[in-house]
């Protein structure tokens, strides 16, 4: 269901320095593609954080205290 293999490949590209090397060695077009990829990845990270927070705290005491439960 979840594309963990894909996420592991992305993690490897980032942690190994390969993506940074590809950026340094790339032409202008390749650099734009890499920057677009990183921007999208950061947006997905923010969406994942929001979703995780909602899933973890949905119906919880913290949600009740924050008053968000009644607003939905």
PDB file of N, CA and C in Angstrom:
ATOM      1  N   UNK A   1       0.813  -1.192   0.000  1.00  0.00           N
ATOM      2  CA  UNK A   1       0.000   0.000   0.000  1.00  0.00           C
ATOM      3  C   UNK A   1       0.863   1.266   0.000  1.00  0.00           C
ATOM      4  N   UNK A   2       1.795   1.385   0.927  1.00  0.00           N
ATOM      5  CA  UNK A   2       2.648   2.562   0.985  1.00  0.00           C
ATOM      6  C   UNK A   2       3.943   2.305   0.228  1.00  0.00           C
ATOM      7  N   UNK A   3       4.403   3.271  -0.529  1.00  0.00           N
ATOM      8  CA  UNK A   3       5.599   3.097  -1.364  1.00  0.00           C
ATOM      9  C   UNK A   3       6.903   3.270  -0.580  1.00  0.00           C
ATOM     10  N   UNK A   4       7.131   2.385   0.384  1.00  0.00           N
ATOM     11  CA  UNK A   4       8.323   2.508   1.229  1.00  0.00           C
ATOM     12  C   UNK A   4       9.621   2.376   0.439  1.00  0.00           C
ATOM     13  N   UNK A   5       9.625   1.528  -0.590  1.00  0.00           N
ATOM     14  CA  UNK A   5      10.849   1.389  -1.390  1.00  0.00           C
ATOM     15  C   UNK A   5      11.213   2.713  -2.062  1.00  0.00           C
ATOM     16  N   UNK A   6      10.221   3.403  -2.556  1.00  0.00           N
ATOM     17  CA  UNK A   6      10.451   4.704  -3.191  1.00  0.00           C
ATOM     18  C   UNK A   6      10.998   5.699  -2.172  1.00  0.00           C
ATOM     19  N   UNK A   7      10.415   5.707  -0.980  1.00  0.00           N
ATOM     20  CA  UNK A   7      10.887   6.620   0.069  1.00  0.00           C
ATOM     21  C   UNK A   7      12.318   6.291   0.481  1.00  0.00           C
ATOM     22  N   UNK A   8      12.652   5.022   0.520  1.00  0.00           N
ATOM     23  CA  UNK A   8      14.030   4.628   0.866  1.00  0.00           C
ATOM     24  C   UNK A   8      15.015   5.088  -0.201  1.00  0.00           C
ATOM     25  N   UNK A   9      14.604   5.017  -1.458  1.00  0.00           N
ATOM     26  CA  UNK A   9      15.471   5.483  -2.547  1.00  0.00           C
ATOM     27  C   UNK A   9      15.702   6.992  -2.442  1.00  0.00           C
ATOM     28  N   UNK A  10      14.650   7.731  -2.131  1.00  0.00           N
ATOM     29  CA  UNK A  10      14.782   9.177  -1.963  1.00  0.00           C
ATOM     30  C   UNK A  10      15.687   9.481  -0.776  1.00  0.00           C
ATOM     31  N   UNK A  11      15.481   8.754   0.318  1.00  0.00           N
ATOM     32  CA  UNK A  11      16.334   8.937   1.498  1.00  0.00           C
ATOM     33  C   UNK A  11      17.798   8.683   1.160  1.00  0.00           C
ATOM     34  N   UNK A  12      18.057   7.638   0.410  1.00  0.00           N
ATOM     35  CA  UNK A  12      19.433   7.307   0.019  1.00  0.00           C
ATOM     36  C   UNK A  12      20.039   8.402  -0.863  1.00  0.00           C
ATOM     37  N   UNK A  13      19.252   8.923  -1.807  1.00  0.00           N
ATOM     38  CA  UNK A  13      19.740  10.010  -2.667  1.00  0.00           C
ATOM     39  C   UNK A  13      20.124  11.231  -1.842  1.00  0.00           C
ATOM     40  N   UNK A  14      19.316  11.517  -0.827  1.00  0.00           N
ATOM     41  CA  UNK A  14      19.574  12.702  -0.007  1.00  0.00           C
ATOM     42  C   UNK A  14      20.744  12.496   0.943  1.00  0.00           C
ATOM     43  N   UNK A  15      20.766  11.369   1.644  1.00  0.00           N
ATOM     44  CA  UNK A  15      21.789  11.155   2.668  1.00  0.00           C
ATOM     45  C   UNK A  15      23.152  10.808   2.091  1.00  0.00           C
ATOM     46  N   UNK A  16      23.176  10.232   0.906  1.00  0.00           N
ATOM     47  CA  UNK A  16      24.450   9.864   0.292  1.00  0.00           C
ATOM     48  C   UNK A  16      25.156  11.056  -0.342  1.00  0.00           C
ATOM     49  N   UNK A  17      24.404  12.130  -0.553  1.00  0.00           N
ATOM     50  CA  UNK A  17      24.975  13.285  -1.229  1.00  0.00           C
ATOM     51  C   UNK A  17      24.834  13.216  -2.744  1.00  0.00           C
ATOM     52  N   UNK A  18      24.211  12.156  -3.239  1.00  0.00           N
ATOM     53  CA  UNK A  18      24.080  11.989  -4.683  1.00  0.00           C
ATOM     54  C   UNK A  18      23.251  13.103  -5.313  1.00  0.00           C
ATOM     55  N   UNK A  19      22.176  13.497  -4.656  1.00  0.00           N
ATOM     56  CA  UNK A  19      21.334  14.555  -5.227  1.00  0.00           C
ATOM     57  C   UNK A  19      22.103  15.876  -5.293  1.00  0.00           C
ATOM     58  N   UNK A  20      22.861  16.179  -4.256  1.00  0.00           N
ATOM     59  CA  UNK A  20      23.676  17.393  -4.258  1.00  0.00           C
ATOM     60  C   UNK A  20      24.719  17.342  -5.372  1.00  0.00           C
ATOM     61  N   UNK A  21      25.330  16.174  -5.575  1.00  0.00           N
ATOM     62  CA  UNK A  21      26.321  16.012  -6.652  1.00  0.00           C
ATOM     63  C   UNK A  21      25.657  16.178  -8.013  1.00  0.00           C
ATOM     64  N   UNK A  22      24.469  15.567  -8.168  1.00  0.00           N
ATOM     65  CA  UNK A  22      23.740  15.717  -9.426  1.00  0.00           C
ATOM     66  C   UNK A  22      23.415  17.187  -9.697  1.00  0.00           C
ATOM     67  N   UNK A  23      23.095  17.921  -8.634  1.00  0.00           N
ATOM     68  CA  UNK A  23      22.810  19.347  -8.785  1.00  0.00           C
ATOM     69  C   UNK A  23      24.066  20.089  -9.246  1.00  0.00           C
ATOM     70  N   UNK A  24      25.184  19.813  -8.589  1.00  0.00           N
ATOM     71  CA  UNK A  24      26.442  20.484  -8.938  1.00  0.00           C
ATOM     72  C   UNK A  24      26.872  20.179 -10.364  1.00  0.00           C
ATOM     73  N   UNK A  25      26.688  18.935 -10.780  1.00  0.00           N
ATOM     74  CA  UNK A  25      27.136  18.500 -12.100  1.00  0.00           C
ATOM     75  C   UNK A  25      26.114  18.762 -13.201  1.00  0.00           C
ATOM     76  N   UNK A  26      24.896  19.116 -12.830  1.00  0.00           N
ATOM     77  CA  UNK A  26      23.813  19.225 -13.798  1.00  0.00           C
ATOM     78  C   UNK A  26      23.812  20.530 -14.566  1.00  0.00           C
ATOM     79  N   UNK A  27      23.142  20.478 -15.699  1.00  0.00           N
ATOM     80  CA  UNK A  27      22.933  21.692 -16.474  1.00  0.00           C
ATOM     81  C   UNK A  27      21.829  22.510 -15.805  1.00  0.00           C
ATOM     82  N   UNK A  28      21.567  23.665 -16.333  1.00  0.00           N
ATOM     83  CA  UNK A  28      20.575  24.557 -15.731  1.00  0.00           C
ATOM     84  C   UNK A  28      19.209  23.889 -15.623  1.00  0.00           C
ATOM     85  N   UNK A  29      18.799  23.183 -16.667  1.00  0.00           N
ATOM     86  CA  UNK A  29      17.506  22.498 -16.651  1.00  0.00           C
ATOM     87  C   UNK A  29      17.452  21.424 -15.562  1.00  0.00           C
ATOM     88  N   UNK A  30      18.520  20.652 -15.433  1.00  0.00           N
ATOM     89  CA  UNK A  30      18.575  19.617 -14.394  1.00  0.00           C
ATOM     90  C   UNK A  30      18.483  20.238 -12.998  1.00  0.00           C
ATOM     91  N   UNK A  31      19.130  21.361 -12.824  1.00  0.00           N
ATOM     92  CA  UNK A  31      19.088  22.047 -11.524  1.00  0.00           C
ATOM     93  C   UNK A  31      17.676  22.492 -11.185  1.00  0.00           C
ATOM     94  N   UNK A  32      16.949  23.014 -12.167  1.00  0.00           N
ATOM     95  CA  UNK A  32      15.557  23.408 -11.929  1.00  0.00           C
ATOM     96  C   UNK A  32      14.706  22.194 -11.552  1.00  0.00           C
ATOM     97  N   UNK A  33      14.936  21.082 -12.216  1.00  0.00           N
ATOM     98  CA  UNK A  33      14.182  19.859 -11.911  1.00  0.00           C
ATOM     99  C   UNK A  33      14.463  19.409 -10.484  1.00  0.00           C
ATOM    100  N   UNK A  34      15.727  19.438 -10.089  1.00  0.00           N
ATOM    101  CA  UNK A  34      16.100  19.026  -8.727  1.00  0.00           C
ATOM    102  C   UNK A  34      15.493  19.977  -7.701  1.00  0.00           C
ATOM    103  N   UNK A  35      15.540  21.274  -7.961  1.00  0.00           N
ATOM    104  CA  UNK A  35      14.950  22.240  -7.032  1.00  0.00           C
ATOM    105  C   UNK A  35      13.436  22.060  -6.932  1.00  0.00           C
ATOM    106  N   UNK A  36      12.781  21.792  -8.056  1.00  0.00           N
ATOM    107  CA  UNK A  36      11.338  21.524  -8.030  1.00  0.00           C
ATOM    108  C   UNK A  36      11.035  20.271  -7.220  1.00  0.00           C
ATOM    109  N   UNK A  37      11.860  19.253  -7.398  1.00  0.00           N
ATOM    110  CA  UNK A  37      11.708  18.001  -6.639  1.00  0.00           C
ATOM    111  C   UNK A  37      11.830  18.263  -5.145  1.00  0.00           C
ATOM    112  N   UNK A  38      12.856  19.007  -4.754  1.00  0.00           N
ATOM    113  CA  UNK A  38      13.070  19.299  -3.337  1.00  0.00           C
ATOM    114  C   UNK A  38      11.945  20.153  -2.760  1.00  0.00           C
ATOM    115  N   UNK A  39      11.463  21.102  -3.542  1.00  0.00           N
ATOM    116  CA  UNK A  39      10.352  21.929  -3.080  1.00  0.00           C
ATOM    117  C   UNK A  39       9.105  21.075  -2.848  1.00  0.00           C
ATOM    118  N   UNK A  40       8.815  20.186  -3.784  1.00  0.00           N
ATOM    119  CA  UNK A  40       7.656  19.300  -3.640  1.00  0.00           C
ATOM    120  C   UNK A  40       7.839  18.373  -2.446  1.00  0.00           C
ATOM    121  N   UNK A  41       9.040  17.884  -2.254  1.00  0.00           N
ATOM    122  CA  UNK A  41       9.331  17.007  -1.124  1.00  0.00           C
ATOM    123  C   UNK A  41       9.096  17.731   0.206  1.00  0.00           C
ATOM    124  N   UNK A  42       9.502  18.986   0.281  1.00  0.00           N
ATOM    125  CA  UNK A  42       9.272  19.772   1.505  1.00  0.00           C
ATOM    126  C   UNK A  42       7.782  20.015   1.726  1.00  0.00           C
ATOM    127  N   UNK A  43       7.038  20.276   0.656  1.00  0.00           N
ATOM    128  CA  UNK A  43       5.584  20.440   0.774  1.00  0.00           C
ATOM    129  C   UNK A  43       4.932  19.151   1.272  1.00  0.00           C
ATOM    130  N   UNK A  44       5.391  18.031   0.759  1.00  0.00           N
ATOM    131  CA  UNK A  44       4.860  16.740   1.204  1.00  0.00           C
ATOM    132  C   UNK A  44       5.198  16.482   2.665  1.00  0.00           C
ATOM    133  N   UNK A  45       6.386  16.904   3.083  1.00  0.00           N
ATOM    134  CA  UNK A  45       6.770  16.770   4.486  1.00  0.00           C
ATOM    135  C   UNK A  45       5.841  17.557   5.395  1.00  0.00           C
ATOM    136  N   UNK A  46       5.483  18.767   4.976  1.00  0.00           N
ATOM    137  CA  UNK A  46       4.550  19.579   5.754  1.00  0.00           C
ATOM    138  C   UNK A  46       3.172  18.925   5.804  1.00  0.00           C
ATOM    139  N   UNK A  47       2.732  18.372   4.672  1.00  0.00           N
ATOM    140  CA  UNK A  47       1.435  17.686   4.629  1.00  0.00           C
ATOM    141  C   UNK A  47       1.456  16.429   5.495  1.00  0.00           C
ATOM    142  N   UNK A  48       2.580  15.712   5.473  1.00  0.00           N
ATOM    143  CA  UNK A  48       2.713  14.516   6.303  1.00  0.00           C
ATOM    144  C   UNK A  48       2.681  14.874   7.778  1.00  0.00           C
ATOM    145  N   UNK A  49       3.338  15.957   8.147  1.00  0.00           N
ATOM    146  CA  UNK A  49       3.341  16.404   9.536  1.00  0.00           C
ATOM    147  C   UNK A  49       1.929  16.766   9.982  1.00  0.00           C
ATOM    148  N   UNK A  50       1.211  17.487   9.147  1.00  0.00           N
ATOM    149  CA  UNK A  50      -0.166  17.878   9.468  1.00  0.00           C
ATOM    150  C   UNK A  50      -1.054  16.645   9.623  1.00  0.00           C
ATOM    151  N   UNK A  51      -0.937  15.716   8.692  1.00  0.00           N
ATOM    152  CA  UNK A  51      -1.746  14.499   8.747  1.00  0.00           C
ATOM    153  C   UNK A  51      -1.411  13.667   9.969  1.00  0.00           C
ATOM    154  N   UNK A  52      -0.132  13.525  10.259  1.00  0.00           N
ATOM    155  CA  UNK A  52       0.276  12.753  11.441  1.00  0.00           C
ATOM    156  C   UNK A  52      -0.279  13.375  12.713  1.00  0.00           C
ATOM    157  N   UNK A  53      -0.222  14.683  12.798  1.00  0.00           N
ATOM    158  CA  UNK A  53      -0.747  15.378  13.971  1.00  0.00           C
ATOM    159  C   UNK A  53      -2.246  15.139  14.096  1.00  0.00           C
ATOM    160  N   UNK A  54      -2.968  15.235  12.985  1.00  0.00           N
ATOM    161  CA  UNK A  54      -4.412  15.011  13.011  1.00  0.00           C
ATOM    162  C   UNK A  54      -4.742  13.577  13.413  1.00  0.00           C
ATOM    163  N   UNK A  55      -4.030  12.627  12.868  1.00  0.00           N
ATOM    164  CA  UNK A  55      -4.298  11.217  13.153  1.00  0.00           C
ATOM    165  C   UNK A  55      -3.974  10.890  14.613  1.00  0.00           C
ATOM    166  N   UNK A  56      -2.863  11.395  15.094  1.00  0.00           N
ATOM    167  CA  UNK A  56      -2.427  11.087  16.456  1.00  0.00           C
ATOM    168  C   UNK A  56      -3.349  11.718  17.486  1.00  0.00           C
ATOM    169  N   UNK A  57      -3.758  12.948  17.242  1.00  0.00           N
ATOM    170  CA  UNK A  57      -4.506  13.678  18.257  1.00  0.00           C
ATOM    171  C   UNK A  57      -6.010  13.735  18.016  1.00  0.00           C
ATOM    172  N   UNK A  58      -6.509  13.127  16.939  1.00  0.00           N
ATOM    173  CA  UNK A  58      -7.943  13.164  16.648  1.00  0.00           C
ATOM    174  C   UNK A  58      -8.715  12.523  17.798  1.00  0.00           C
ATOM    175  N   UNK A  59      -9.657  13.271  18.335  1.00  0.00           N
ATOM    176  CA  UNK A  59     -10.478  12.770  19.414  1.00  0.00           C
ATOM    177  C   UNK A  59      -9.779  12.721  20.753  1.00  0.00           C
ATOM    178  N   UNK A  60      -8.608  13.301  20.821  1.00  0.00           N
ATOM    179  CA  UNK A  60      -7.844  13.224  22.057  1.00  0.00           C
ATOM    180  C   UNK A  60      -8.207  14.353  23.001  1.00  0.00           C
ATOM    181  N   UNK A  61      -7.719  14.253  24.180  1.00  0.00           N
ATOM    182  CA  UNK A  61      -7.926  15.275  25.194  1.00  0.00           C
ATOM    183  C   UNK A  61      -7.327  16.602  24.741  1.00  0.00           C
ATOM    184  N   UNK A  62      -6.167  16.556  24.066  1.00  0.00           N
ATOM    185  CA  UNK A  62      -5.534  17.791  23.594  1.00  0.00           C
ATOM    186  C   UNK A  62      -6.424  18.501  22.579  1.00  0.00           C
ATOM    187  N   UNK A  63      -7.078  17.728  21.714  1.00  0.00           N
ATOM    188  CA  UNK A  63      -7.981  18.316  20.737  1.00  0.00           C
ATOM    189  C   UNK A  63      -9.158  18.986  21.442  1.00  0.00           C
ATOM    190  N   UNK A  64      -9.692  18.338  22.461  1.00  0.00           N
ATOM    191  CA  UNK A  64     -10.807  18.895  23.210  1.00  0.00           C
ATOM    192  C   UNK A  64     -10.396  20.212  23.883  1.00  0.00           C
ATOM    193  N   UNK A  65      -9.215  20.229  24.456  1.00  0.00           N
ATOM    194  CA  UNK A  65      -8.728  21.446  25.107  1.00  0.00           C
ATOM    195  C   UNK A  65      -8.525  22.582  24.106  1.00  0.00           C
ATOM    196  N   UNK A  66      -8.063  22.222  22.922  1.00  0.00           N
ATOM    197  CA  UNK A  66      -7.818  23.238  21.899  1.00  0.00           C
ATOM    198  C   UNK A  66      -9.111  23.750  21.289  1.00  0.00           C
ATOM    199  N   UNK A  67     -10.199  23.019  21.486  1.00  0.00           N
ATOM    200  CA  UNK A  67     -11.490  23.436  20.946  1.00  0.00           C
ATOM    201  C   UNK A  67     -11.665  23.148  19.486  1.00  0.00           C
ATOM    202  N   UNK A  68     -10.779  22.356  18.886  1.00  0.00           N
ATOM    203  CA  UNK A  68     -10.872  22.077  17.448  1.00  0.00           C
ATOM    204  C   UNK A  68     -11.936  21.040  17.144  1.00  0.00           C
ATOM    205  N   UNK A  69     -12.294  20.207  18.085  1.00  0.00           N
ATOM    206  CA  UNK A  69     -13.258  19.149  17.850  1.00  0.00           C
ATOM    207  C   UNK A  69     -14.632  19.727  17.519  1.00  0.00           C
ATOM    208  N   UNK A  70     -15.023  20.791  18.192  1.00  0.00           N
ATOM    209  CA  UNK A  70     -16.339  21.378  17.988  1.00  0.00           C
ATOM    210  C   UNK A  70     -16.409  22.184  16.693  1.00  0.00           C
ATOM    211  N   UNK A  71     -15.248  22.588  16.169  1.00  0.00           N
ATOM    212  CA  UNK A  71     -15.235  23.442  14.984  1.00  0.00           C
ATOM    213  C   UNK A  71     -15.375  22.664  13.690  1.00  0.00           C
ATOM    214  N   UNK A  72     -15.196  21.356  13.723  1.00  0.00           N
ATOM    215  CA  UNK A  72     -15.222  20.563  12.484  1.00  0.00           C
ATOM    216  C   UNK A  72     -16.612  20.214  12.068  1.00  0.00           C
TER     217      UNK A  72
END
